[in-house]
Amino acid sequence: MEFEIEVVPKSMELPWIGEVNVSAVICFFVVIGLSIFCFVINWQVKHRWKEVPGRFQEMIEFGIEKLRDYCRGNCEHAGDAVAPWILTMALLIAANCLIEFFSFEPPTADLSMTLTLGVLTFFLINVMGIRYKKISGRLKYYIQPTPIVAPFKLLGDLAVPISLGCRLYGNVLSGVIIMGIIYAVVPLIIPAALSIYFTLFHALIQTYVFITLTLNFVNEATE
């Protein structure tokens, strides 16, 4: 039995728009779903928050507290400032990986998306660096301990979005390929069970790796 994995993203024609990547369309609907989810949570927070919390409120408070603790632990100076960004990236990456449960190829298996996330993270790192160390402090970072290292530090910073994007892309794509191989060589019921385990934990692991690396880079730029 043969299966086919396309590295180049598939495209489709949309009325009045033209040809677009399928991954972009899937990601669009994922963002819509996440927006509705966040709207519901926000409504709950504003209209049903109580001094004596129920189970749902306790879960929200516990999750926010753990997120802040994690951000502070990995990025001491800017932990609170980047916590909303980290939560947004975590939800976006996890949701776009978990969409595989619905038989869609995850948009995070598209290099253009993962590189975009890497570029956004690159801007976050430098914005936080300038915010906490000013432009002079950020520039001084490149010439310490000696100006000779400036080109190497600059090259290392420019490699960050490529590194983050390619790492996420390669890991997610490898998961898609592994599941394709399993579906091709073993009975259907076995890969169906493995898919629940593999897709869920693989998505969580990739989300964890991406946000942890982001916090480490921000910490390096702000310390």
N, C-alpha and C. Protein backbone atom coordinates (compact mmCIF):
# COMPACT_ATOMS: atom_id res chain seq x y z
N MET A 1 0.84 -1.19 0.00
CA MET A 1 0.00 0.00 0.00
C MET A 1 0.89 1.25 0.00
N GLU A 2 0.51 2.21 -0.84
CA GLU A 2 1.31 3.43 -0.96
C GLU A 2 0.56 4.62 -0.36
N PHE A 3 1.32 5.56 0.15
CA PHE A 3 0.73 6.81 0.60
C PHE A 3 1.60 7.94 0.10
N GLU A 4 1.01 9.12 0.02
CA GLU A 4 1.71 10.27 -0.58
C GLU A 4 1.74 11.43 0.40
N ILE A 5 2.93 11.98 0.62
CA ILE A 5 3.10 13.16 1.45
C ILE A 5 3.68 14.28 0.58
N GLU A 6 2.99 15.41 0.51
CA GLU A 6 3.44 16.53 -0.30
C GLU A 6 4.07 17.59 0.61
N VAL A 7 5.34 17.88 0.38
CA VAL A 7 6.02 18.92 1.15
C VAL A 7 5.55 20.30 0.72
N VAL A 8 5.35 20.47 -0.59
CA VAL A 8 4.83 21.74 -1.11
C VAL A 8 3.35 21.85 -0.74
N PRO A 9 2.92 22.94 -0.10
CA PRO A 9 1.53 23.05 0.34
C PRO A 9 0.56 23.01 -0.83
N LYS A 10 -0.59 22.37 -0.60
CA LYS A 10 -1.62 22.31 -1.64
C LYS A 10 -2.32 23.65 -1.74
N SER A 11 -2.90 23.91 -2.90
CA SER A 11 -3.62 25.16 -3.12
C SER A 11 -5.03 24.87 -3.59
N MET A 12 -5.89 25.86 -3.47
CA MET A 12 -7.27 25.71 -3.90
C MET A 12 -7.77 27.05 -4.42
N GLU A 13 -8.81 27.01 -5.25
CA GLU A 13 -9.40 28.22 -5.81
C GLU A 13 -10.59 28.65 -4.96
N LEU A 14 -10.61 29.92 -4.57
CA LEU A 14 -11.73 30.48 -3.83
C LEU A 14 -12.39 31.56 -4.65
N PRO A 15 -13.73 31.63 -4.65
CA PRO A 15 -14.44 32.66 -5.42
C PRO A 15 -14.03 34.06 -4.98
N TRP A 16 -13.80 34.94 -5.94
CA TRP A 16 -13.46 36.35 -5.74
C TRP A 16 -12.08 36.56 -5.09
N ILE A 17 -11.39 35.48 -4.74
CA ILE A 17 -10.09 35.60 -4.10
C ILE A 17 -8.98 35.06 -5.00
N GLY A 18 -9.24 33.89 -5.59
CA GLY A 18 -8.25 33.25 -6.43
C GLY A 18 -7.60 32.07 -5.74
N GLU A 19 -6.38 31.76 -6.12
CA GLU A 19 -5.68 30.60 -5.59
C GLU A 19 -5.02 30.93 -4.26
N VAL A 20 -5.30 30.09 -3.26
CA VAL A 20 -4.71 30.27 -1.92
C VAL A 20 -4.26 28.91 -1.41
N ASN A 21 -3.33 28.92 -0.47
CA ASN A 21 -2.87 27.69 0.14
C ASN A 21 -3.98 27.10 1.03
N VAL A 22 -4.11 25.78 0.96
CA VAL A 22 -5.10 25.11 1.80
C VAL A 22 -4.78 25.33 3.27
N SER A 23 -3.49 25.35 3.60
CA SER A 23 -3.10 25.55 4.99
C SER A 23 -3.55 26.92 5.50
N ALA A 24 -3.55 27.94 4.63
CA ALA A 24 -4.00 29.26 5.03
C ALA A 24 -5.50 29.26 5.32
N VAL A 25 -6.26 28.52 4.51
CA VAL A 25 -7.71 28.43 4.71
C VAL A 25 -8.01 27.71 6.02
N ILE A 26 -7.31 26.59 6.26
CA ILE A 26 -7.52 25.84 7.50
C ILE A 26 -7.16 26.70 8.71
N CYS A 27 -6.02 27.38 8.62
CA CYS A 27 -5.58 28.25 9.73
C CYS A 27 -6.57 29.36 9.98
N PHE A 28 -7.18 29.89 8.92
CA PHE A 28 -8.19 30.95 9.07
C PHE A 28 -9.35 30.47 9.93
N PHE A 29 -9.85 29.28 9.64
CA PHE A 29 -10.98 28.75 10.41
C PHE A 29 -10.56 28.36 11.83
N VAL A 30 -9.31 27.94 11.99
CA VAL A 30 -8.80 27.67 13.33
C VAL A 30 -8.79 28.95 14.16
N VAL A 31 -8.35 30.05 13.54
CA VAL A 31 -8.31 31.34 14.24
C VAL A 31 -9.73 31.79 14.59
N ILE A 32 -10.68 31.58 13.68
CA ILE A 32 -12.08 31.92 13.97
C ILE A 32 -12.57 31.13 15.17
N GLY A 33 -12.27 29.82 15.18
CA GLY A 33 -12.68 28.99 16.31
C GLY A 33 -12.05 29.44 17.62
N LEU A 34 -10.76 29.76 17.59
CA LEU A 34 -10.07 30.25 18.79
C LEU A 34 -10.64 31.59 19.25
N SER A 35 -11.00 32.44 18.30
CA SER A 35 -11.57 33.74 18.65
C SER A 35 -12.91 33.57 19.36
N ILE A 36 -13.73 32.65 18.88
CA ILE A 36 -15.01 32.37 19.53
C ILE A 36 -14.77 31.82 20.93
N PHE A 37 -13.81 30.91 21.05
CA PHE A 37 -13.47 30.33 22.35
C PHE A 37 -13.03 31.42 23.33
N CYS A 38 -12.16 32.31 22.89
CA CYS A 38 -11.67 33.39 23.76
C CYS A 38 -12.79 34.37 24.10
N PHE A 39 -13.70 34.62 23.16
CA PHE A 39 -14.84 35.50 23.43
C PHE A 39 -15.72 34.91 24.53
N VAL A 40 -15.96 33.60 24.45
CA VAL A 40 -16.78 32.95 25.47
C VAL A 40 -16.11 33.03 26.84
N ILE A 41 -14.81 32.76 26.89
CA ILE A 41 -14.08 32.85 28.16
C ILE A 41 -14.11 34.27 28.70
N ASN A 42 -13.91 35.25 27.82
CA ASN A 42 -13.93 36.65 28.24
C ASN A 42 -15.30 37.03 28.79
N TRP A 43 -16.37 36.56 28.16
CA TRP A 43 -17.72 36.85 28.64
C TRP A 43 -17.95 36.23 30.01
N GLN A 44 -17.46 35.01 30.18
CA GLN A 44 -17.59 34.34 31.47
C GLN A 44 -16.85 35.12 32.56
N VAL A 45 -15.66 35.59 32.22
CA VAL A 45 -14.86 36.32 33.20
C VAL A 45 -15.55 37.62 33.61
N LYS A 46 -16.12 38.34 32.64
CA LYS A 46 -16.71 39.64 32.93
C LYS A 46 -18.06 39.56 33.62
N HIS A 47 -18.85 38.53 33.29
CA HIS A 47 -20.23 38.50 33.75
C HIS A 47 -20.52 37.44 34.81
N ARG A 48 -19.63 36.47 34.97
CA ARG A 48 -19.93 35.40 35.92
C ARG A 48 -18.80 35.15 36.91
N TRP A 49 -17.94 36.14 37.07
CA TRP A 49 -16.84 35.99 38.03
C TRP A 49 -17.38 36.20 39.44
N LYS A 50 -17.00 35.33 40.34
CA LYS A 50 -17.53 35.38 41.70
C LYS A 50 -16.38 35.41 42.72
N GLU A 51 -16.67 35.97 43.87
CA GLU A 51 -15.67 35.99 44.94
C GLU A 51 -15.39 34.58 45.45
N VAL A 52 -16.44 33.75 45.47
CA VAL A 52 -16.26 32.34 45.81
C VAL A 52 -16.31 31.55 44.51
N PRO A 53 -15.15 31.19 43.96
CA PRO A 53 -15.11 30.62 42.61
C PRO A 53 -15.70 29.21 42.53
N GLY A 54 -16.33 28.93 41.40
CA GLY A 54 -16.76 27.57 41.10
C GLY A 54 -15.64 26.82 40.42
N ARG A 55 -15.95 25.61 39.92
CA ARG A 55 -14.90 24.78 39.31
C ARG A 55 -14.33 25.42 38.06
N PHE A 56 -15.20 25.97 37.21
CA PHE A 56 -14.72 26.58 35.97
C PHE A 56 -13.81 27.76 36.27
N GLN A 57 -14.22 28.61 37.19
CA GLN A 57 -13.40 29.77 37.55
C GLN A 57 -12.08 29.34 38.18
N GLU A 58 -12.12 28.30 38.98
CA GLU A 58 -10.89 27.79 39.59
C GLU A 58 -9.91 27.30 38.52
N MET A 59 -10.45 26.63 37.49
CA MET A 59 -9.60 26.14 36.40
C MET A 59 -8.94 27.30 35.66
N ILE A 60 -9.71 28.36 35.38
CA ILE A 60 -9.17 29.52 34.68
C ILE A 60 -8.09 30.20 35.52
N GLU A 61 -8.39 30.42 36.79
CA GLU A 61 -7.42 31.07 37.67
C GLU A 61 -6.16 30.23 37.83
N PHE A 62 -6.33 28.92 37.94
CA PHE A 62 -5.19 28.02 38.08
C PHE A 62 -4.32 28.05 36.82
N GLY A 63 -4.97 28.02 35.66
CA GLY A 63 -4.23 28.04 34.40
C GLY A 63 -3.46 29.33 34.21
N ILE A 64 -4.09 30.47 34.50
CA ILE A 64 -3.41 31.77 34.36
C ILE A 64 -2.25 31.87 35.34
N GLU A 65 -2.47 31.40 36.56
CA GLU A 65 -1.40 31.46 37.56
C GLU A 65 -0.20 30.61 37.14
N LYS A 66 -0.46 29.41 36.63
CA LYS A 66 0.63 28.54 36.20
C LYS A 66 1.35 29.12 34.99
N LEU A 67 0.60 29.74 34.08
CA LEU A 67 1.21 30.38 32.91
C LEU A 67 2.15 31.49 33.35
N ARG A 68 1.70 32.34 34.26
CA ARG A 68 2.55 33.44 34.74
C ARG A 68 3.78 32.91 35.47
N ASP A 69 3.60 31.89 36.28
CA ASP A 69 4.73 31.30 37.00
C ASP A 69 5.76 30.74 36.02
N TYR A 70 5.26 30.09 34.97
CA TYR A 70 6.17 29.50 33.99
C TYR A 70 6.93 30.59 33.23
N CYS A 71 6.21 31.65 32.84
CA CYS A 71 6.86 32.75 32.12
C CYS A 71 7.88 33.45 33.01
N ARG A 72 7.53 33.68 34.27
CA ARG A 72 8.47 34.32 35.19
C ARG A 72 9.68 33.44 35.45
N GLY A 73 9.47 32.12 35.52
CA GLY A 73 10.57 31.22 35.78
C GLY A 73 11.57 31.14 34.64
N ASN A 74 11.08 31.30 33.39
CA ASN A 74 11.96 31.21 32.22
C ASN A 74 12.38 32.56 31.68
N CYS A 75 11.67 33.61 32.09
CA CYS A 75 11.98 34.95 31.60
C CYS A 75 11.72 35.93 32.73
N GLU A 76 12.68 36.03 33.62
CA GLU A 76 12.49 36.76 34.88
C GLU A 76 12.09 38.21 34.67
N HIS A 77 12.75 38.89 33.76
CA HIS A 77 12.54 40.33 33.62
C HIS A 77 11.24 40.67 32.91
N ALA A 78 10.87 39.90 31.91
CA ALA A 78 9.72 40.24 31.08
C ALA A 78 8.64 39.17 31.11
N GLY A 79 8.63 38.35 32.14
CA GLY A 79 7.68 37.23 32.20
C GLY A 79 6.23 37.67 32.11
N ASP A 80 5.84 38.66 32.92
CA ASP A 80 4.45 39.13 32.90
C ASP A 80 4.11 39.81 31.58
N ALA A 81 5.07 40.51 31.00
CA ALA A 81 4.81 41.25 29.76
C ALA A 81 4.57 40.32 28.58
N VAL A 82 5.28 39.19 28.52
CA VAL A 82 5.15 38.29 27.37
C VAL A 82 4.13 37.18 27.60
N ALA A 83 3.56 37.08 28.81
CA ALA A 83 2.62 35.99 29.10
C ALA A 83 1.44 35.97 28.13
N PRO A 84 0.80 37.12 27.81
CA PRO A 84 -0.31 37.07 26.84
C PRO A 84 0.13 36.57 25.46
N TRP A 85 1.32 37.00 25.03
CA TRP A 85 1.85 36.54 23.74
C TRP A 85 2.10 35.03 23.77
N ILE A 86 2.67 34.54 24.85
CA ILE A 86 2.96 33.12 24.97
C ILE A 86 1.67 32.31 24.94
N LEU A 87 0.64 32.79 25.63
CA LEU A 87 -0.65 32.09 25.62
C LEU A 87 -1.24 32.06 24.21
N THR A 88 -1.13 33.19 23.50
CA THR A 88 -1.65 33.26 22.13
C THR A 88 -0.92 32.29 21.21
N MET A 89 0.40 32.28 21.28
CA MET A 89 1.18 31.36 20.46
C MET A 89 0.90 29.91 20.80
N ALA A 90 0.75 29.63 22.10
CA ALA A 90 0.48 28.25 22.53
C ALA A 90 -0.85 27.77 21.99
N LEU A 91 -1.89 28.60 22.10
CA LEU A 91 -3.20 28.21 21.59
C LEU A 91 -3.18 28.04 20.07
N LEU A 92 -2.50 28.95 19.39
CA LEU A 92 -2.46 28.91 17.92
C LEU A 92 -1.73 27.66 17.43
N ILE A 93 -0.55 27.38 17.98
CA ILE A 93 0.23 26.22 17.54
C ILE A 93 -0.49 24.92 17.89
N ALA A 94 -0.98 24.82 19.13
CA ALA A 94 -1.64 23.59 19.56
C ALA A 94 -2.89 23.32 18.73
N ALA A 95 -3.70 24.35 18.49
CA ALA A 95 -4.93 24.16 17.72
C ALA A 95 -4.63 23.77 16.28
N ASN A 96 -3.61 24.37 15.68
CA ASN A 96 -3.27 24.05 14.30
C ASN A 96 -2.63 22.68 14.17
N CYS A 97 -2.07 22.15 15.25
CA CYS A 97 -1.58 20.77 15.25
C CYS A 97 -2.71 19.79 15.48
N LEU A 98 -3.61 20.12 16.42
CA LEU A 98 -4.70 19.21 16.79
C LEU A 98 -5.78 19.12 15.72
N ILE A 99 -5.75 20.04 14.75
CA ILE A 99 -6.74 19.97 13.66
C ILE A 99 -6.59 18.67 12.87
N GLU A 100 -5.45 18.01 13.05
CA GLU A 100 -5.22 16.72 12.39
C GLU A 100 -6.23 15.67 12.86
N PHE A 101 -6.80 15.85 14.05
CA PHE A 101 -7.84 14.94 14.54
C PHE A 101 -9.04 14.88 13.60
N PHE A 102 -9.26 15.98 12.87
CA PHE A 102 -10.41 16.08 11.97
C PHE A 102 -10.04 15.75 10.53
N SER A 103 -8.92 15.03 10.36
CA SER A 103 -8.46 14.55 9.05
C SER A 103 -7.98 15.67 8.14
N PHE A 104 -7.63 16.83 8.72
CA PHE A 104 -7.01 17.90 7.95
C PHE A 104 -5.50 17.88 8.20
N GLU A 105 -4.76 18.19 7.15
CA GLU A 105 -3.32 18.31 7.33
C GLU A 105 -3.02 19.57 8.14
N PRO A 106 -2.26 19.47 9.22
CA PRO A 106 -2.04 20.63 10.09
C PRO A 106 -1.32 21.75 9.36
N PRO A 107 -1.79 23.00 9.49
CA PRO A 107 -1.10 24.13 8.86
C PRO A 107 0.34 24.29 9.33
N THR A 108 0.64 23.78 10.52
CA THR A 108 2.02 23.86 11.02
C THR A 108 2.96 22.92 10.27
N ALA A 109 2.41 22.10 9.36
CA ALA A 109 3.25 21.30 8.47
C ALA A 109 3.55 22.07 7.18
N ASP A 110 3.21 23.36 7.17
CA ASP A 110 3.50 24.27 6.05
C ASP A 110 4.62 25.21 6.49
N LEU A 111 5.73 25.18 5.80
CA LEU A 111 6.91 25.97 6.19
C LEU A 111 6.61 27.46 6.21
N SER A 112 5.73 27.93 5.33
CA SER A 112 5.43 29.36 5.29
C SER A 112 4.79 29.83 6.59
N MET A 113 3.95 28.98 7.19
CA MET A 113 3.32 29.36 8.46
C MET A 113 4.32 29.35 9.61
N THR A 114 5.12 28.29 9.70
CA THR A 114 6.06 28.19 10.81
C THR A 114 7.13 29.28 10.74
N LEU A 115 7.55 29.63 9.53
CA LEU A 115 8.51 30.74 9.40
C LEU A 115 7.88 32.06 9.79
N THR A 116 6.59 32.23 9.50
CA THR A 116 5.88 33.44 9.91
C THR A 116 5.85 33.55 11.43
N LEU A 117 5.58 32.43 12.11
CA LEU A 117 5.61 32.42 13.57
C LEU A 117 7.01 32.74 14.08
N GLY A 118 8.03 32.24 13.39
CA GLY A 118 9.40 32.54 13.77
C GLY A 118 9.74 34.01 13.61
N VAL A 119 9.27 34.63 12.52
CA VAL A 119 9.53 36.06 12.29
C VAL A 119 8.81 36.91 13.34
N LEU A 120 7.57 36.56 13.67
CA LEU A 120 6.84 37.29 14.71
C LEU A 120 7.56 37.20 16.05
N THR A 121 8.07 36.01 16.35
CA THR A 121 8.82 35.83 17.59
C THR A 121 10.11 36.65 17.57
N PHE A 122 10.75 36.74 16.42
CA PHE A 122 11.96 37.55 16.27
C PHE A 122 11.68 39.02 16.62
N PHE A 123 10.54 39.54 16.12
CA PHE A 123 10.17 40.92 16.45
C PHE A 123 9.87 41.07 17.94
N LEU A 124 9.20 40.06 18.52
CA LEU A 124 8.92 40.11 19.95
C LEU A 124 10.21 40.19 20.76
N ILE A 125 11.19 39.38 20.41
CA ILE A 125 12.46 39.35 21.13
C ILE A 125 13.11 40.73 21.11
N ASN A 126 13.16 41.35 19.94
CA ASN A 126 13.83 42.64 19.83
C ASN A 126 13.02 43.78 20.45
N VAL A 127 11.70 43.71 20.36
CA VAL A 127 10.88 44.73 21.00
C VAL A 127 11.06 44.67 22.51
N MET A 128 11.07 43.47 23.07
CA MET A 128 11.27 43.33 24.51
C MET A 128 12.68 43.77 24.91
N GLY A 129 13.66 43.44 24.06
CA GLY A 129 15.04 43.86 24.34
C GLY A 129 15.17 45.37 24.38
N ILE A 130 14.54 46.05 23.42
CA ILE A 130 14.59 47.52 23.39
C ILE A 130 13.79 48.12 24.53
N ARG A 131 12.66 47.49 24.85
CA ARG A 131 11.81 48.00 25.93
C ARG A 131 12.52 47.99 27.27
N TYR A 132 13.26 46.93 27.55
CA TYR A 132 13.88 46.78 28.86
C TYR A 132 15.32 47.29 28.93
N LYS A 133 15.99 47.38 27.79
CA LYS A 133 17.39 47.81 27.81
C LYS A 133 17.63 49.05 26.95
N LYS A 134 16.56 49.58 26.36
CA LYS A 134 16.64 50.74 25.47
C LYS A 134 17.46 50.36 24.22
N ILE A 135 17.43 51.26 23.25
CA ILE A 135 18.15 50.98 22.00
C ILE A 135 19.66 50.92 22.27
N SER A 136 20.15 51.79 23.13
CA SER A 136 21.59 51.81 23.42
C SER A 136 22.03 50.50 24.07
N GLY A 137 21.22 50.01 25.02
CA GLY A 137 21.56 48.75 25.68
C GLY A 137 21.49 47.57 24.74
N ARG A 138 20.50 47.61 23.82
CA ARG A 138 20.38 46.52 22.84
C ARG A 138 21.57 46.50 21.90
N LEU A 139 22.01 47.68 21.47
CA LEU A 139 23.17 47.76 20.58
C LEU A 139 24.46 47.39 21.32
N LYS A 140 24.53 47.75 22.60
CA LYS A 140 25.71 47.43 23.39
C LYS A 140 25.88 45.91 23.54
N TYR A 141 24.76 45.19 23.52
CA TYR A 141 24.80 43.73 23.63
C TYR A 141 25.66 43.10 22.53
N TYR A 142 25.62 43.73 21.34
CA TYR A 142 26.34 43.15 20.20
C TYR A 142 27.85 43.35 20.25
N ILE A 143 28.30 44.29 21.06
CA ILE A 143 29.75 44.56 21.09
C ILE A 143 30.38 44.11 22.41
N GLN A 144 29.66 43.35 23.19
CA GLN A 144 30.21 42.82 24.43
C GLN A 144 30.55 41.34 24.28
N PRO A 145 31.68 40.87 24.73
CA PRO A 145 32.71 41.60 25.48
C PRO A 145 33.68 42.36 24.59
N THR A 146 33.58 42.12 23.26
CA THR A 146 34.46 42.81 22.32
C THR A 146 33.71 43.04 21.01
N PRO A 147 33.97 44.16 20.30
CA PRO A 147 33.26 44.43 19.05
C PRO A 147 33.46 43.35 17.99
N ILE A 148 34.49 42.52 18.14
CA ILE A 148 34.76 41.49 17.14
C ILE A 148 33.60 40.50 17.03
N VAL A 149 32.87 40.30 18.14
CA VAL A 149 31.80 39.30 18.15
C VAL A 149 30.50 39.84 17.57
N ALA A 150 30.43 41.13 17.24
CA ALA A 150 29.19 41.75 16.78
C ALA A 150 28.60 41.03 15.55
N PRO A 151 29.41 40.75 14.49
CA PRO A 151 28.81 40.06 13.33
C PRO A 151 28.25 38.69 13.67
N PHE A 152 28.91 37.98 14.58
CA PHE A 152 28.45 36.64 14.94
C PHE A 152 27.16 36.70 15.75
N LYS A 153 27.07 37.67 16.66
CA LYS A 153 25.84 37.83 17.44
C LYS A 153 24.68 38.25 16.54
N LEU A 154 24.97 39.14 15.60
CA LEU A 154 23.94 39.59 14.66
C LEU A 154 23.46 38.42 13.80
N LEU A 155 24.40 37.62 13.33
CA LEU A 155 24.04 36.46 12.52
C LEU A 155 23.22 35.46 13.34
N GLY A 156 23.60 35.29 14.60
CA GLY A 156 22.85 34.38 15.47
C GLY A 156 21.42 34.85 15.68
N ASP A 157 21.23 36.17 15.85
CA ASP A 157 19.88 36.70 16.03
C ASP A 157 19.05 36.55 14.76
N LEU A 158 19.67 36.78 13.60
CA LEU A 158 18.94 36.65 12.34
C LEU A 158 18.57 35.19 12.05
N ALA A 159 19.31 34.26 12.66
CA ALA A 159 19.01 32.84 12.46
C ALA A 159 17.88 32.35 13.34
N VAL A 160 17.48 33.15 14.34
CA VAL A 160 16.45 32.71 15.28
C VAL A 160 15.13 32.38 14.60
N PRO A 161 14.56 33.27 13.76
CA PRO A 161 13.27 32.92 13.13
C PRO A 161 13.36 31.71 12.22
N ILE A 162 14.50 31.55 11.54
CA ILE A 162 14.68 30.38 10.68
C ILE A 162 14.77 29.12 11.51
N SER A 163 15.51 29.20 12.61
CA SER A 163 15.65 28.05 13.49
C SER A 163 14.31 27.62 14.09
N LEU A 164 13.56 28.60 14.64
CA LEU A 164 12.27 28.29 15.24
C LEU A 164 11.29 27.74 14.20
N GLY A 165 11.24 28.40 13.05
CA GLY A 165 10.29 27.98 12.01
C GLY A 165 10.60 26.60 11.46
N CYS A 166 11.87 26.35 11.14
CA CYS A 166 12.25 25.06 10.55
C CYS A 166 12.13 23.94 11.57
N ARG A 167 12.42 24.22 12.84
CA ARG A 167 12.30 23.18 13.87
C ARG A 167 10.84 22.74 14.01
N LEU A 168 9.93 23.72 14.12
CA LEU A 168 8.51 23.39 14.26
C LEU A 168 7.99 22.69 13.01
N TYR A 169 8.35 23.19 11.85
CA TYR A 169 7.92 22.59 10.59
C TYR A 169 8.40 21.15 10.46
N GLY A 170 9.67 20.92 10.73
CA GLY A 170 10.23 19.58 10.59
C GLY A 170 9.62 18.59 11.56
N ASN A 171 9.40 19.03 12.80
CA ASN A 171 8.84 18.13 13.80
C ASN A 171 7.39 17.76 13.49
N VAL A 172 6.59 18.76 13.09
CA VAL A 172 5.19 18.47 12.76
C VAL A 172 5.10 17.61 11.51
N LEU A 173 5.89 17.95 10.48
CA LEU A 173 5.85 17.17 9.24
C LEU A 173 6.29 15.74 9.48
N SER A 174 7.29 15.54 10.34
CA SER A 174 7.73 14.18 10.63
C SER A 174 6.61 13.38 11.30
N GLY A 175 5.82 14.04 12.15
CA GLY A 175 4.69 13.36 12.76
C GLY A 175 3.65 12.95 11.74
N VAL A 176 3.38 13.83 10.77
CA VAL A 176 2.44 13.50 9.69
C VAL A 176 2.94 12.31 8.88
N ILE A 177 4.23 12.28 8.59
CA ILE A 177 4.82 11.20 7.80
C ILE A 177 4.76 9.88 8.58
N ILE A 178 5.09 9.94 9.88
CA ILE A 178 5.05 8.71 10.70
C ILE A 178 3.64 8.12 10.73
N MET A 179 2.63 8.98 10.93
CA MET A 179 1.27 8.48 10.96
C MET A 179 0.85 7.95 9.59
N GLY A 180 1.34 8.58 8.53
CA GLY A 180 1.04 8.07 7.18
C GLY A 180 1.61 6.68 6.97
N ILE A 181 2.84 6.46 7.47
CA ILE A 181 3.46 5.14 7.35
C ILE A 181 2.67 4.11 8.15
N ILE A 182 2.27 4.48 9.36
CA ILE A 182 1.51 3.55 10.21
C ILE A 182 0.19 3.17 9.56
N TYR A 183 -0.52 4.16 9.01
CA TYR A 183 -1.78 3.88 8.34
C TYR A 183 -1.59 2.98 7.13
N ALA A 184 -0.42 3.08 6.51
CA ALA A 184 -0.19 2.32 5.28
C ALA A 184 0.18 0.86 5.53
N VAL A 185 0.72 0.54 6.70
CA VAL A 185 1.27 -0.80 6.88
C VAL A 185 0.56 -1.63 7.93
N VAL A 186 -0.32 -1.04 8.76
CA VAL A 186 -0.99 -1.82 9.79
C VAL A 186 -2.50 -1.62 9.69
N PRO A 187 -3.30 -2.51 10.31
CA PRO A 187 -4.75 -2.40 10.24
C PRO A 187 -5.26 -1.07 10.75
N LEU A 188 -6.46 -0.68 10.30
CA LEU A 188 -7.00 0.65 10.56
C LEU A 188 -7.18 0.94 12.04
N ILE A 189 -7.64 -0.03 12.82
CA ILE A 189 -7.98 0.24 14.22
C ILE A 189 -6.75 0.61 15.05
N ILE A 190 -5.59 0.06 14.69
CA ILE A 190 -4.36 0.36 15.44
C ILE A 190 -3.91 1.80 15.21
N PRO A 191 -3.78 2.27 13.96
CA PRO A 191 -3.37 3.66 13.77
C PRO A 191 -4.41 4.65 14.30
N ALA A 192 -5.69 4.27 14.32
CA ALA A 192 -6.70 5.18 14.87
C ALA A 192 -6.44 5.42 16.35
N ALA A 193 -6.09 4.35 17.07
CA ALA A 193 -5.78 4.49 18.49
C ALA A 193 -4.48 5.25 18.69
N LEU A 194 -3.47 4.94 17.86
CA LEU A 194 -2.19 5.63 17.97
C LEU A 194 -2.31 7.12 17.63
N SER A 195 -3.22 7.42 16.70
CA SER A 195 -3.38 8.81 16.27
C SER A 195 -3.83 9.69 17.42
N ILE A 196 -4.73 9.18 18.26
CA ILE A 196 -5.20 9.96 19.40
C ILE A 196 -4.03 10.27 20.33
N TYR A 197 -3.24 9.26 20.62
CA TYR A 197 -2.09 9.44 21.52
C TYR A 197 -1.02 10.30 20.88
N PHE A 198 -0.64 9.93 19.65
CA PHE A 198 0.50 10.58 19.00
C PHE A 198 0.19 12.03 18.66
N THR A 199 -0.97 12.29 18.07
CA THR A 199 -1.31 13.66 17.66
C THR A 199 -1.45 14.57 18.87
N LEU A 200 -2.10 14.09 19.92
CA LEU A 200 -2.31 14.91 21.11
C LEU A 200 -0.99 15.28 21.77
N PHE A 201 -0.17 14.30 22.08
CA PHE A 201 1.07 14.57 22.80
C PHE A 201 2.11 15.24 21.90
N HIS A 202 2.09 14.90 20.63
CA HIS A 202 3.01 15.55 19.70
C HIS A 202 2.70 17.04 19.61
N ALA A 203 1.41 17.39 19.55
CA ALA A 203 1.02 18.80 19.50
C ALA A 203 1.43 19.53 20.76
N LEU A 204 1.22 18.91 21.90
CA LEU A 204 1.58 19.54 23.18
C LEU A 204 3.09 19.72 23.30
N ILE A 205 3.84 18.73 22.85
CA ILE A 205 5.31 18.80 22.94
C ILE A 205 5.83 19.93 22.05
N GLN A 206 5.33 20.02 20.81
CA GLN A 206 5.81 21.06 19.90
C GLN A 206 5.44 22.45 20.41
N THR A 207 4.24 22.57 21.00
CA THR A 207 3.85 23.85 21.59
C THR A 207 4.78 24.22 22.74
N TYR A 208 5.06 23.25 23.59
CA TYR A 208 5.93 23.47 24.74
C TYR A 208 7.33 23.90 24.29
N VAL A 209 7.88 23.22 23.30
CA VAL A 209 9.23 23.54 22.82
C VAL A 209 9.28 24.95 22.25
N PHE A 210 8.28 25.32 21.46
CA PHE A 210 8.29 26.63 20.81
C PHE A 210 8.21 27.75 21.84
N ILE A 211 7.28 27.66 22.79
CA ILE A 211 7.13 28.74 23.76
C ILE A 211 8.30 28.80 24.73
N THR A 212 8.89 27.64 25.04
CA THR A 212 10.05 27.64 25.93
C THR A 212 11.24 28.31 25.27
N LEU A 213 11.49 27.99 24.01
CA LEU A 213 12.58 28.64 23.29
C LEU A 213 12.33 30.13 23.16
N THR A 214 11.07 30.52 22.91
CA THR A 214 10.73 31.95 22.83
C THR A 214 11.07 32.66 24.13
N LEU A 215 10.68 32.07 25.25
CA LEU A 215 10.97 32.67 26.55
C LEU A 215 12.47 32.76 26.81
N ASN A 216 13.20 31.74 26.41
CA ASN A 216 14.64 31.77 26.59
C ASN A 216 15.30 32.87 25.78
N PHE A 217 14.86 33.06 24.55
CA PHE A 217 15.41 34.12 23.69
C PHE A 217 15.06 35.50 24.24
N VAL A 218 13.82 35.67 24.71
CA VAL A 218 13.42 36.94 25.30
C VAL A 218 14.21 37.22 26.57
N ASN A 219 14.41 36.21 27.38
CA ASN A 219 15.19 36.37 28.61
C ASN A 219 16.61 36.81 28.30
N GLU A 220 17.20 36.22 27.26
CA GLU A 220 18.56 36.59 26.86
C GLU A 220 18.61 38.05 26.39
N ALA A 221 17.54 38.51 25.72
CA ALA A 221 17.54 39.88 25.21
C ALA A 221 17.25 40.92 26.27
N THR A 222 16.64 40.51 27.41
CA THR A 222 16.24 41.48 28.41
C THR A 222 17.08 41.43 29.69
N GLU A 223 17.90 40.39 29.86
CA GLU A 223 18.66 40.28 31.10
C GLU A 223 19.82 41.27 31.15
